[in-house]
């Protein structure tokens, strides 16, 4: 079994291993994992992925829409870089982003015919 760690993680692990008195990293990792599993309480899941708190439905909908718009903008920027010209849909996408920001704030979205 192998585990990839960042340089910072390796430094923290090495320091903790040295503090524990164990000479081998593998033995230290096994001991830490076994301790975590033995000490858990009901409902506690060591190593579980930590997720951000759930959003209220309105905020979640706004977040989801902004994610979709962001993905569209990324595609449009890629096309723009390929063509060397501003893609016509970029302006429409930016308009959508502006409207999404307005919606998050509870402000009526603009229509394309509205004056700037």
PDB file of N, CA and C in Angstrom:
ATOM      1  N   UNK A   1       0.855  -1.154   0.000  1.00  0.00           N
ATOM      2  CA  UNK A   1       0.000   0.000   0.000  1.00  0.00           C
ATOM      3  C   UNK A   1       0.909   1.227   0.000  1.00  0.00           C
ATOM      4  N   UNK A   2       0.542   2.206  -0.766  1.00  0.00           N
ATOM      5  CA  UNK A   2       1.301   3.454  -0.745  1.00  0.00           C
ATOM      6  C   UNK A   2       0.313   4.607  -0.609  1.00  0.00           C
ATOM      7  N   UNK A   3       0.809   5.696  -0.079  1.00  0.00           N
ATOM      8  CA  UNK A   3      -0.030   6.878   0.142  1.00  0.00           C
ATOM      9  C   UNK A   3       0.735   8.094  -0.358  1.00  0.00           C
ATOM     10  N   UNK A   4       0.087   8.908  -1.163  1.00  0.00           N
ATOM     11  CA  UNK A   4       0.710  10.145  -1.625  1.00  0.00           C
ATOM     12  C   UNK A   4       0.376  11.253  -0.642  1.00  0.00           C
ATOM     13  N   UNK A   5       1.378  12.009  -0.277  1.00  0.00           N
ATOM     14  CA  UNK A   5       1.178  13.143   0.626  1.00  0.00           C
ATOM     15  C   UNK A   5       1.940  14.337   0.077  1.00  0.00           C
ATOM     16  N   UNK A   6       1.467  15.520   0.438  1.00  0.00           N
ATOM     17  CA  UNK A   6       2.170  16.743   0.043  1.00  0.00           C
ATOM     18  C   UNK A   6       3.424  16.888   0.900  1.00  0.00           C
ATOM     19  N   UNK A   7       4.275  17.805   0.516  1.00  0.00           N
ATOM     20  CA  UNK A   7       5.479  18.047   1.309  1.00  0.00           C
ATOM     21  C   UNK A   7       5.112  18.480   2.724  1.00  0.00           C
ATOM     22  N   UNK A   8       4.103  19.337   2.834  1.00  0.00           N
ATOM     23  CA  UNK A   8       3.679  19.820   4.161  1.00  0.00           C
ATOM     24  C   UNK A   8       3.121  18.672   4.998  1.00  0.00           C
ATOM     25  N   UNK A   9       2.332  17.801   4.383  1.00  0.00           N
ATOM     26  CA  UNK A   9       1.798  16.645   5.109  1.00  0.00           C
ATOM     27  C   UNK A   9       2.930  15.732   5.570  1.00  0.00           C
ATOM     28  N   UNK A  10       3.895  15.501   4.676  1.00  0.00           N
ATOM     29  CA  UNK A  10       5.018  14.635   5.031  1.00  0.00           C
ATOM     30  C   UNK A  10       5.758  15.206   6.242  1.00  0.00           C
ATOM     31  N   UNK A  11       5.988  16.516   6.246  1.00  0.00           N
ATOM     32  CA  UNK A  11       6.679  17.144   7.378  1.00  0.00           C
ATOM     33  C   UNK A  11       5.889  16.967   8.677  1.00  0.00           C
ATOM     34  N   UNK A  12       4.551  17.188   8.617  1.00  0.00           N
ATOM     35  CA  UNK A  12       3.713  17.020   9.820  1.00  0.00           C
ATOM     36  C   UNK A  12       3.729  15.577  10.290  1.00  0.00           C
ATOM     37  N   UNK A  13       3.617  14.636   9.353  1.00  0.00           N
ATOM     38  CA  UNK A  13       3.611  13.218   9.700  1.00  0.00           C
ATOM     39  C   UNK A  13       4.950  12.816  10.311  1.00  0.00           C
ATOM     40  N   UNK A  14       6.030  13.267   9.698  1.00  0.00           N
ATOM     41  CA  UNK A  14       7.360  12.924  10.218  1.00  0.00           C
ATOM     42  C   UNK A  14       7.547  13.471  11.629  1.00  0.00           C
ATOM     43  N   UNK A  15       7.105  14.705  11.863  1.00  0.00           N
ATOM     44  CA  UNK A  15       7.227  15.304  13.195  1.00  0.00           C
ATOM     45  C   UNK A  15       6.393  14.528  14.212  1.00  0.00           C
ATOM     46  N   UNK A  16       5.172  14.171  13.831  1.00  0.00           N
ATOM     47  CA  UNK A  16       4.305  13.424  14.745  1.00  0.00           C
ATOM     48  C   UNK A  16       4.860  12.027  15.007  1.00  0.00           C
ATOM     49  N   UNK A  17       5.390  11.385  13.964  1.00  0.00           N
ATOM     50  CA  UNK A  17       5.989  10.064  14.125  1.00  0.00           C
ATOM     51  C   UNK A  17       7.168  10.132  15.083  1.00  0.00           C
ATOM     52  N   UNK A  18       8.032  11.138  14.894  1.00  0.00           N
ATOM     53  CA  UNK A  18       9.206  11.277  15.759  1.00  0.00           C
ATOM     54  C   UNK A  18       8.780  11.520  17.203  1.00  0.00           C
ATOM     55  N   UNK A  19       7.746  12.346  17.390  1.00  0.00           N
ATOM     56  CA  UNK A  19       7.248  12.643  18.740  1.00  0.00           C
ATOM     57  C   UNK A  19       6.684  11.393  19.407  1.00  0.00           C
ATOM     58  N   UNK A  20       6.114  10.500  18.602  1.00  0.00           N
ATOM     59  CA  UNK A  20       5.519   9.276  19.158  1.00  0.00           C
ATOM     60  C   UNK A  20       6.576   8.282  19.625  1.00  0.00           C
ATOM     61  N   UNK A  21       7.803   8.436  19.147  1.00  0.00           N
ATOM     62  CA  UNK A  21       8.856   7.498  19.495  1.00  0.00           C
ATOM     63  C   UNK A  21       8.968   6.334  18.531  1.00  0.00           C
ATOM     64  N   UNK A  22       8.073   6.245  17.573  1.00  0.00           N
ATOM     65  CA  UNK A  22       8.139   5.156  16.591  1.00  0.00           C
ATOM     66  C   UNK A  22       9.221   5.468  15.566  1.00  0.00           C
ATOM     67  N   UNK A  23       9.900   4.433  15.115  1.00  0.00           N
ATOM     68  CA  UNK A  23      10.998   4.618  14.173  1.00  0.00           C
ATOM     69  C   UNK A  23      10.540   4.487  12.725  1.00  0.00           C
ATOM     70  N   UNK A  24       9.490   3.703  12.481  1.00  0.00           N
ATOM     71  CA  UNK A  24       9.038   3.452  11.109  1.00  0.00           C
ATOM     72  C   UNK A  24       7.725   4.174  10.833  1.00  0.00           C
ATOM     73  N   UNK A  25       7.662   4.812   9.675  1.00  0.00           N
ATOM     74  CA  UNK A  25       6.451   5.551   9.293  1.00  0.00           C
ATOM     75  C   UNK A  25       5.257   4.599   9.182  1.00  0.00           C
ATOM     76  N   UNK A  26       5.444   3.437   8.575  1.00  0.00           N
ATOM     77  CA  UNK A  26       4.344   2.490   8.410  1.00  0.00           C
ATOM     78  C   UNK A  26       3.741   2.067   9.736  1.00  0.00           C
ATOM     79  N   UNK A  27       4.600   1.802  10.712  1.00  0.00           N
ATOM     80  CA  UNK A  27       4.102   1.410  12.039  1.00  0.00           C
ATOM     81  C   UNK A  27       3.338   2.549  12.685  1.00  0.00           C
ATOM     82  N   UNK A  28       3.832   3.772  12.511  1.00  0.00           N
ATOM     83  CA  UNK A  28       3.147   4.932  13.087  1.00  0.00           C
ATOM     84  C   UNK A  28       1.782   5.136  12.439  1.00  0.00           C
ATOM     85  N   UNK A  29       1.726   5.037  11.096  1.00  0.00           N
ATOM     86  CA  UNK A  29       0.447   5.211  10.386  1.00  0.00           C
ATOM     87  C   UNK A  29      -0.558   4.164  10.845  1.00  0.00           C
ATOM     88  N   UNK A  30      -0.137   2.877  10.925  1.00  0.00           N
ATOM     89  CA  UNK A  30      -1.039   1.820  11.399  1.00  0.00           C
ATOM     90  C   UNK A  30      -1.562   2.142  12.788  1.00  0.00           C
ATOM     91  N   UNK A  31      -0.683   2.584  13.690  1.00  0.00           N
ATOM     92  CA  UNK A  31      -1.093   2.882  15.064  1.00  0.00           C
ATOM     93  C   UNK A  31      -2.088   4.032  15.100  1.00  0.00           C
ATOM     94  N   UNK A  32      -1.846   5.063  14.314  1.00  0.00           N
ATOM     95  CA  UNK A  32      -2.752   6.214  14.295  1.00  0.00           C
ATOM     96  C   UNK A  32      -4.122   5.806  13.753  1.00  0.00           C
ATOM     97  N   UNK A  33      -4.137   5.044  12.673  1.00  0.00           N
ATOM     98  CA  UNK A  33      -5.412   4.604  12.087  1.00  0.00           C
ATOM     99  C   UNK A  33      -6.147   3.691  13.060  1.00  0.00           C
ATOM    100  N   UNK A  34      -5.461   2.741  13.637  1.00  0.00           N
ATOM    101  CA  UNK A  34      -6.107   1.834  14.590  1.00  0.00           C
ATOM    102  C   UNK A  34      -6.629   2.582  15.810  1.00  0.00           C
ATOM    103  N   UNK A  35      -5.875   3.560  16.306  1.00  0.00           N
ATOM    104  CA  UNK A  35      -6.350   4.381  17.435  1.00  0.00           C
ATOM    105  C   UNK A  35      -7.619   5.140  17.053  1.00  0.00           C
ATOM    106  N   UNK A  36      -7.622   5.712  15.860  1.00  0.00           N
ATOM    107  CA  UNK A  36      -8.791   6.470  15.409  1.00  0.00           C
ATOM    108  C   UNK A  36     -10.010   5.570  15.290  1.00  0.00           C
ATOM    109  N   UNK A  37      -9.819   4.367  14.772  1.00  0.00           N
ATOM    110  CA  UNK A  37     -10.939   3.435  14.628  1.00  0.00           C
ATOM    111  C   UNK A  37     -11.422   2.921  15.983  1.00  0.00           C
ATOM    112  N   UNK A  38     -10.511   2.683  16.905  1.00  0.00           N
ATOM    113  CA  UNK A  38     -10.878   2.153  18.215  1.00  0.00           C
ATOM    114  C   UNK A  38     -11.583   3.201  19.074  1.00  0.00           C
ATOM    115  N   UNK A  39     -11.231   4.460  18.902  1.00  0.00           N
ATOM    116  CA  UNK A  39     -11.760   5.531  19.762  1.00  0.00           C
ATOM    117  C   UNK A  39     -13.022   6.187  19.221  1.00  0.00           C
ATOM    118  N   UNK A  40     -13.519   5.729  18.099  1.00  0.00           N
ATOM    119  CA  UNK A  40     -14.663   6.429  17.516  1.00  0.00           C
ATOM    120  C   UNK A  40     -15.942   6.141  18.283  1.00  0.00           C
ATOM    121  N   UNK A  41     -16.832   7.117  18.242  1.00  0.00           N
ATOM    122  CA  UNK A  41     -18.138   6.977  18.876  1.00  0.00           C
ATOM    123  C   UNK A  41     -19.174   6.744  17.783  1.00  0.00           C
ATOM    124  N   UNK A  42     -20.384   6.377  18.193  1.00  0.00           N
ATOM    125  CA  UNK A  42     -21.425   6.096  17.203  1.00  0.00           C
ATOM    126  C   UNK A  42     -21.671   7.332  16.342  1.00  0.00           C
ATOM    127  N   UNK A  43     -21.729   7.114  15.046  1.00  0.00           N
ATOM    128  CA  UNK A  43     -21.948   8.204  14.107  1.00  0.00           C
ATOM    129  C   UNK A  43     -20.660   8.882  13.671  1.00  0.00           C
ATOM    130  N   UNK A  44     -19.567   8.632  14.383  1.00  0.00           N
ATOM    131  CA  UNK A  44     -18.266   9.206  14.042  1.00  0.00           C
ATOM    132  C   UNK A  44     -17.626   8.327  12.976  1.00  0.00           C
ATOM    133  N   UNK A  45     -17.213   8.923  11.882  1.00  0.00           N
ATOM    134  CA  UNK A  45     -16.592   8.175  10.793  1.00  0.00           C
ATOM    135  C   UNK A  45     -15.220   8.784  10.511  1.00  0.00           C
ATOM    136  N   UNK A  46     -14.166   8.212  11.096  1.00  0.00           N
ATOM    137  CA  UNK A  46     -12.827   8.761  10.868  1.00  0.00           C
ATOM    138  C   UNK A  46     -12.483   8.781   9.390  1.00  0.00           C
ATOM    139  N   UNK A  47     -11.922   9.870   8.955  1.00  0.00           N
ATOM    140  CA  UNK A  47     -11.495   9.990   7.572  1.00  0.00           C
ATOM    141  C   UNK A  47     -12.603  10.333   6.600  1.00  0.00           C
ATOM    142  N   UNK A  48     -13.821  10.550   7.103  1.00  0.00           N
ATOM    143  CA  UNK A  48     -14.927  10.885   6.203  1.00  0.00           C
ATOM    144  C   UNK A  48     -14.629  12.209   5.508  1.00  0.00           C
ATOM    145  N   UNK A  49     -15.066  12.299   4.265  1.00  0.00           N
ATOM    146  CA  UNK A  49     -14.869  13.526   3.503  1.00  0.00           C
ATOM    147  C   UNK A  49     -15.631  14.662   4.176  1.00  0.00           C
ATOM    148  N   UNK A  50     -14.945  15.769   4.371  1.00  0.00           N
ATOM    149  CA  UNK A  50     -15.584  16.933   4.997  1.00  0.00           C
ATOM    150  C   UNK A  50     -16.217  17.779   3.905  1.00  0.00           C
ATOM    151  N   UNK A  51     -17.506  18.004   4.038  1.00  0.00           N
ATOM    152  CA  UNK A  51     -18.250  18.769   3.044  1.00  0.00           C
ATOM    153  C   UNK A  51     -18.684  20.091   3.635  1.00  0.00           C
ATOM    154  N   UNK A  52     -18.872  21.090   2.803  1.00  0.00           N
ATOM    155  CA  UNK A  52     -19.402  22.347   3.330  1.00  0.00           C
ATOM    156  C   UNK A  52     -20.845  22.157   3.788  1.00  0.00           C
ATOM    157  N   UNK A  53     -21.304  23.052   4.629  1.00  0.00           N
ATOM    158  CA  UNK A  53     -22.675  22.985   5.131  1.00  0.00           C
ATOM    159  C   UNK A  53     -23.660  23.100   3.975  1.00  0.00           C
ATOM    160  N   UNK A  54     -24.802  22.426   4.109  1.00  0.00           N
ATOM    161  CA  UNK A  54     -25.846  22.527   3.093  1.00  0.00           C
ATOM    162  C   UNK A  54     -26.360  23.957   3.020  1.00  0.00           C
ATOM    163  N   UNK A  55     -26.719  24.373   1.813  1.00  0.00           N
ATOM    164  CA  UNK A  55     -27.275  25.708   1.597  1.00  0.00           C
ATOM    165  C   UNK A  55     -28.792  25.646   1.626  1.00  0.00           C
ATOM    166  N   UNK A  56     -29.398  26.777   1.915  1.00  0.00           N
ATOM    167  CA  UNK A  56     -30.859  26.837   1.791  1.00  0.00           C
ATOM    168  C   UNK A  56     -31.185  26.702   0.298  1.00  0.00           C
ATOM    169  N   UNK A  57     -32.419  26.297  -0.042  1.00  0.00           N
ATOM    170  CA  UNK A  57     -32.745  26.009  -1.451  1.00  0.00           C
ATOM    171  C   UNK A  57     -32.471  27.164  -2.407  1.00  0.00           C
ATOM    172  N   UNK A  58     -32.738  28.394  -1.993  1.00  0.00           N
ATOM    173  CA  UNK A  58     -32.522  29.538  -2.880  1.00  0.00           C
ATOM    174  C   UNK A  58     -31.031  29.726  -3.144  1.00  0.00           C
ATOM    175  N   UNK A  59     -30.231  29.670  -2.092  1.00  0.00           N
ATOM    176  CA  UNK A  59     -28.786  29.823  -2.261  1.00  0.00           C
ATOM    177  C   UNK A  59     -28.208  28.676  -3.074  1.00  0.00           C
ATOM    178  N   UNK A  60     -28.705  27.458  -2.856  1.00  0.00           N
ATOM    179  CA  UNK A  60     -28.217  26.304  -3.616  1.00  0.00           C
ATOM    180  C   UNK A  60     -28.536  26.472  -5.094  1.00  0.00           C
ATOM    181  N   UNK A  61     -29.741  26.937  -5.402  1.00  0.00           N
ATOM    182  CA  UNK A  61     -30.117  27.150  -6.808  1.00  0.00           C
ATOM    183  C   UNK A  61     -29.223  28.213  -7.439  1.00  0.00           C
ATOM    184  N   UNK A  62     -28.954  29.284  -6.694  1.00  0.00           N
ATOM    185  CA  UNK A  62     -28.084  30.341  -7.213  1.00  0.00           C
ATOM    186  C   UNK A  62     -26.673  29.812  -7.426  1.00  0.00           C
ATOM    187  N   UNK A  63     -26.181  29.045  -6.478  1.00  0.00           N
ATOM    188  CA  UNK A  63     -24.846  28.461  -6.596  1.00  0.00           C
ATOM    189  C   UNK A  63     -24.753  27.548  -7.817  1.00  0.00           C
ATOM    190  N   UNK A  64     -25.751  26.689  -7.979  1.00  0.00           N
ATOM    191  CA  UNK A  64     -25.762  25.771  -9.121  1.00  0.00           C
ATOM    192  C   UNK A  64     -25.767  26.539 -10.440  1.00  0.00           C
ATOM    193  N   UNK A  65     -26.566  27.595 -10.508  1.00  0.00           N
ATOM    194  CA  UNK A  65     -26.635  28.401 -11.732  1.00  0.00           C
ATOM    195  C   UNK A  65     -25.300  29.086 -12.005  1.00  0.00           C
ATOM    196  N   UNK A  66     -24.680  29.628 -10.978  1.00  0.00           N
ATOM    197  CA  UNK A  66     -23.383  30.274 -11.161  1.00  0.00           C
ATOM    198  C   UNK A  66     -22.330  29.260 -11.617  1.00  0.00           C
ATOM    199  N   UNK A  67     -22.398  28.034 -11.123  1.00  0.00           N
ATOM    200  CA  UNK A  67     -21.469  26.991 -11.580  1.00  0.00           C
ATOM    201  C   UNK A  67     -21.659  26.692 -13.063  1.00  0.00           C
ATOM    202  N   UNK A  68     -22.918  26.592 -13.492  1.00  0.00           N
ATOM    203  CA  UNK A  68     -23.190  26.342 -14.915  1.00  0.00           C
ATOM    204  C   UNK A  68     -22.671  27.497 -15.773  1.00  0.00           C
ATOM    205  N   UNK A  69     -22.922  28.701 -15.311  1.00  0.00           N
ATOM    206  CA  UNK A  69     -22.475  29.878 -16.067  1.00  0.00           C
ATOM    207  C   UNK A  69     -20.954  29.926 -16.122  1.00  0.00           C
ATOM    208  N   UNK A  70     -20.315  29.616 -15.011  1.00  0.00           N
ATOM    209  CA  UNK A  70     -18.858  29.603 -14.992  1.00  0.00           C
ATOM    210  C   UNK A  70     -18.293  28.599 -15.985  1.00  0.00           C
ATOM    211  N   UNK A  71     -18.907  27.434 -16.068  1.00  0.00           N
ATOM    212  CA  UNK A  71     -18.456  26.423 -17.028  1.00  0.00           C
ATOM    213  C   UNK A  71     -18.620  26.939 -18.456  1.00  0.00           C
ATOM    214  N   UNK A  72     -19.739  27.611 -18.724  1.00  0.00           N
ATOM    215  CA  UNK A  72     -19.962  28.186 -20.053  1.00  0.00           C
ATOM    216  C   UNK A  72     -18.914  29.250 -20.368  1.00  0.00           C
ATOM    217  N   UNK A  73     -18.603  30.094 -19.395  1.00  0.00           N
ATOM    218  CA  UNK A  73     -17.590  31.127 -19.614  1.00  0.00           C
ATOM    219  C   UNK A  73     -16.233  30.511 -19.921  1.00  0.00           C
ATOM    220  N   UNK A  74     -15.885  29.455 -19.208  1.00  0.00           N
ATOM    221  CA  UNK A  74     -14.609  28.787 -19.478  1.00  0.00           C
ATOM    222  C   UNK A  74     -14.542  28.290 -20.919  1.00  0.00           C
ATOM    223  N   UNK A  75     -15.628  27.704 -21.397  1.00  0.00           N
ATOM    224  CA  UNK A  75     -15.659  27.239 -22.784  1.00  0.00           C
ATOM    225  C   UNK A  75     -15.519  28.399 -23.753  1.00  0.00           C
ATOM    226  N   UNK A  76     -16.225  29.477 -23.482  1.00  0.00           N
ATOM    227  CA  UNK A  76     -16.185  30.623 -24.386  1.00  0.00           C
ATOM    228  C   UNK A  76     -14.802  31.272 -24.418  1.00  0.00           C
ATOM    229  N   UNK A  77     -14.174  31.361 -23.282  1.00  0.00           N
ATOM    230  CA  UNK A  77     -12.820  31.926 -23.248  1.00  0.00           C
ATOM    231  C   UNK A  77     -11.868  31.035 -24.042  1.00  0.00           C
ATOM    232  N   UNK A  78     -12.021  29.729 -23.916  1.00  0.00           N
ATOM    233  CA  UNK A  78     -11.182  28.802 -24.690  1.00  0.00           C
ATOM    234  C   UNK A  78     -11.372  29.042 -26.187  1.00  0.00           C
ATOM    235  N   UNK A  79     -12.627  29.192 -26.625  1.00  0.00           N
ATOM    236  CA  UNK A  79     -12.895  29.462 -28.044  1.00  0.00           C
ATOM    237  C   UNK A  79     -12.287  30.797 -28.460  1.00  0.00           C
ATOM    238  N   UNK A  80     -12.399  31.787 -27.597  1.00  0.00           N
ATOM    239  CA  UNK A  80     -11.861  33.108 -27.900  1.00  0.00           C
ATOM    240  C   UNK A  80     -10.348  33.024 -28.092  1.00  0.00           C
ATOM    241  N   UNK A  81      -9.679  32.271 -27.253  1.00  0.00           N
ATOM    242  CA  UNK A  81      -8.229  32.122 -27.386  1.00  0.00           C
ATOM    243  C   UNK A  81      -7.858  31.395 -28.674  1.00  0.00           C
ATOM    244  N   UNK A  82      -8.690  30.456 -29.107  1.00  0.00           N
ATOM    245  CA  UNK A  82      -8.418  29.728 -30.347  1.00  0.00           C
ATOM    246  C   UNK A  82      -8.576  30.632 -31.556  1.00  0.00           C
ATOM    247  N   UNK A  83      -9.617  31.471 -31.543  1.00  0.00           N
ATOM    248  CA  UNK A  83      -9.932  32.332 -32.689  1.00  0.00           C
ATOM    249  C   UNK A  83      -9.132  33.627 -32.688  1.00  0.00           C
ATOM    250  N   UNK A  84      -8.683  34.051 -31.517  1.00  0.00           N
ATOM    251  CA  UNK A  84      -8.003  35.331 -31.426  1.00  0.00           C
ATOM    252  C   UNK A  84      -8.963  36.502 -31.467  1.00  0.00           C
ATOM    253  N   UNK A  85     -10.253  36.232 -31.389  1.00  0.00           N
ATOM    254  CA  UNK A  85     -11.269  37.292 -31.405  1.00  0.00           C
ATOM    255  C   UNK A  85     -12.260  37.029 -30.281  1.00  0.00           C
ATOM    256  N   UNK A  86     -12.910  38.092 -29.837  1.00  0.00           N
ATOM    257  CA  UNK A  86     -13.932  37.953 -28.799  1.00  0.00           C
ATOM    258  C   UNK A  86     -15.128  37.223 -29.383  1.00  0.00           C
ATOM    259  N   UNK A  87     -15.451  36.092 -28.804  1.00  0.00           N
ATOM    260  CA  UNK A  87     -16.576  35.290 -29.275  1.00  0.00           C
ATOM    261  C   UNK A  87     -17.868  36.037 -28.961  1.00  0.00           C
ATOM    262  N   UNK A  88     -18.805  36.020 -29.895  1.00  0.00           N
ATOM    263  CA  UNK A  88     -20.053  36.771 -29.741  1.00  0.00           C
ATOM    264  C   UNK A  88     -20.845  36.342 -28.513  1.00  0.00           C
ATOM    265  N   UNK A  89     -20.745  35.093 -28.131  1.00  0.00           N
ATOM    266  CA  UNK A  89     -21.521  34.598 -26.998  1.00  0.00           C
ATOM    267  C   UNK A  89     -20.937  35.014 -25.653  1.00  0.00           C
ATOM    268  N   UNK A  90     -19.706  35.531 -25.638  1.00  0.00           N
ATOM    269  CA  UNK A  90     -19.106  35.945 -24.379  1.00  0.00           C
ATOM    270  C   UNK A  90     -19.931  37.055 -23.732  1.00  0.00           C
ATOM    271  N   UNK A  91     -20.358  38.016 -24.534  1.00  0.00           N
ATOM    272  CA  UNK A  91     -21.159  39.117 -23.984  1.00  0.00           C
ATOM    273  C   UNK A  91     -22.457  38.585 -23.375  1.00  0.00           C
ATOM    274  N   UNK A  92     -23.101  37.644 -24.027  1.00  0.00           N
ATOM    275  CA  UNK A  92     -24.338  37.068 -23.497  1.00  0.00           C
ATOM    276  C   UNK A  92     -24.066  36.316 -22.197  1.00  0.00           C
ATOM    277  N   UNK A  93     -22.948  35.608 -22.144  1.00  0.00           N
ATOM    278  CA  UNK A  93     -22.607  34.875 -20.924  1.00  0.00           C
ATOM    279  C   UNK A  93     -22.327  35.825 -19.780  1.00  0.00           C
ATOM    280  N   UNK A  94     -21.619  36.907 -20.056  1.00  0.00           N
ATOM    281  CA  UNK A  94     -21.355  37.906 -19.020  1.00  0.00           C
ATOM    282  C   UNK A  94     -22.656  38.528 -18.531  1.00  0.00           C
ATOM    283  N   UNK A  95     -23.592  38.727 -19.441  1.00  0.00           N
ATOM    284  CA  UNK A  95     -24.911  39.243 -19.078  1.00  0.00           C
ATOM    285  C   UNK A  95     -25.609  38.273 -18.118  1.00  0.00           C
ATOM    286  N   UNK A  96     -25.493  36.976 -18.398  1.00  0.00           N
ATOM    287  CA  UNK A  96     -26.079  35.958 -17.521  1.00  0.00           C
ATOM    288  C   UNK A  96     -25.445  35.979 -16.139  1.00  0.00           C
ATOM    289  N   UNK A  97     -24.130  36.139 -16.099  1.00  0.00           N
ATOM    290  CA  UNK A  97     -23.438  36.191 -14.814  1.00  0.00           C
ATOM    291  C   UNK A  97     -23.944  37.383 -14.009  1.00  0.00           C
ATOM    292  N   UNK A  98     -24.069  38.521 -14.660  1.00  0.00           N
ATOM    293  CA  UNK A  98     -24.592  39.709 -13.983  1.00  0.00           C
ATOM    294  C   UNK A  98     -25.991  39.470 -13.447  1.00  0.00           C
ATOM    295  N   UNK A  99     -26.824  38.824 -14.229  1.00  0.00           N
ATOM    296  CA  UNK A  99     -28.182  38.533 -13.778  1.00  0.00           C
ATOM    297  C   UNK A  99     -28.196  37.536 -12.628  1.00  0.00           C
ATOM    298  N   UNK A 100     -27.292  36.571 -12.662  1.00  0.00           N
ATOM    299  CA  UNK A 100     -27.218  35.611 -11.566  1.00  0.00           C
ATOM    300  C   UNK A 100     -26.822  36.321 -10.279  1.00  0.00           C
ATOM    301  N   UNK A 101     -25.871  37.239 -10.382  1.00  0.00           N
ATOM    302  CA  UNK A 101     -25.461  38.002  -9.201  1.00  0.00           C
ATOM    303  C   UNK A 101     -26.623  38.847  -8.675  1.00  0.00           C
ATOM    304  N   UNK A 102     -27.372  39.442  -9.582  1.00  0.00           N
ATOM    305  CA  UNK A 102     -28.550  40.215  -9.161  1.00  0.00           C
ATOM    306  C   UNK A 102     -29.568  39.309  -8.473  1.00  0.00           C
ATOM    307  N   UNK A 103     -29.777  38.137  -9.023  1.00  0.00           N
ATOM    308  CA  UNK A 103     -30.759  37.205  -8.452  1.00  0.00           C
ATOM    309  C   UNK A 103     -30.364  36.774  -7.050  1.00  0.00           C
ATOM    310  N   UNK A 104     -29.058  36.528  -6.839  1.00  0.00           N
ATOM    311  CA  UNK A 104     -28.595  36.143  -5.509  1.00  0.00           C
ATOM    312  C   UNK A 104     -28.917  37.243  -4.502  1.00  0.00           C
ATOM    313  N   UNK A 105     -28.838  38.486  -4.953  1.00  0.00           N
ATOM    314  CA  UNK A 105     -29.129  39.630  -4.082  1.00  0.00           C
ATOM    315  C   UNK A 105     -30.621  39.939  -3.997  1.00  0.00           C
ATOM    316  N   UNK A 106     -31.452  39.192  -4.734  1.00  0.00           N
ATOM    317  CA  UNK A 106     -32.894  39.408  -4.694  1.00  0.00           C
ATOM    318  C   UNK A 106     -33.346  40.560  -5.568  1.00  0.00           C
ATOM    319  N   UNK A 107     -32.536  40.941  -6.535  1.00  0.00           N
ATOM    320  CA  UNK A 107     -32.848  42.052  -7.440  1.00  0.00           C
ATOM    321  C   UNK A 107     -33.351  41.484  -8.763  1.00  0.00           C
ATOM    322  N   UNK A 108     -34.360  42.116  -9.315  1.00  0.00           N
ATOM    323  CA  UNK A 108     -34.944  41.684 -10.590  1.00  0.00           C
ATOM    324  C   UNK A 108     -33.864  41.667 -11.678  1.00  0.00           C
ATOM    325  N   UNK A 109     -33.727  40.560 -12.414  1.00  0.00           N
ATOM    326  CA  UNK A 109     -32.707  40.504 -13.464  1.00  0.00           C
ATOM    327  C   UNK A 109     -33.002  41.500 -14.587  1.00  0.00           C
ATOM    328  N   UNK A 110     -31.943  41.888 -15.278  1.00  0.00           N
ATOM    329  CA  UNK A 110     -32.075  42.811 -16.415  1.00  0.00           C
ATOM    330  C   UNK A 110     -32.534  42.033 -17.640  1.00  0.00           C
ATOM    331  N   UNK A 111     -33.152  42.739 -18.563  1.00  0.00           N
ATOM    332  CA  UNK A 111     -33.488  42.170 -19.863  1.00  0.00           C
ATOM    333  C   UNK A 111     -32.486  42.725 -20.877  1.00  0.00           C
ATOM    334  N   UNK A 112     -32.226  41.987 -21.934  1.00  0.00           N
ATOM    335  CA  UNK A 112     -31.261  42.479 -22.930  1.00  0.00           C
ATOM    336  C   UNK A 112     -31.621  43.847 -23.496  1.00  0.00           C
ATOM    337  N   UNK A 113     -32.904  44.176 -23.467  1.00  0.00           N
ATOM    338  CA  UNK A 113     -33.330  45.475 -24.029  1.00  0.00           C
ATOM    339  C   UNK A 113     -33.228  46.619 -23.021  1.00  0.00           C
ATOM    340  N   UNK A 114     -32.932  46.322 -21.738  1.00  0.00           N
ATOM    341  CA  UNK A 114     -32.804  47.371 -20.727  1.00  0.00           C
ATOM    342  C   UNK A 114     -31.557  48.210 -21.004  1.00  0.00           C
ATOM    343  N   UNK A 115     -31.653  49.525 -20.764  1.00  0.00           N
ATOM    344  CA  UNK A 115     -30.449  50.345 -20.916  1.00  0.00           C
ATOM    345  C   UNK A 115     -29.443  49.991 -19.820  1.00  0.00           C
ATOM    346  N   UNK A 116     -28.185  50.122 -20.143  1.00  0.00           N
ATOM    347  CA  UNK A 116     -27.153  49.811 -19.158  1.00  0.00           C
ATOM    348  C   UNK A 116     -27.143  50.911 -18.182  1.00  0.00           C
TER     349      UNK A 116
END
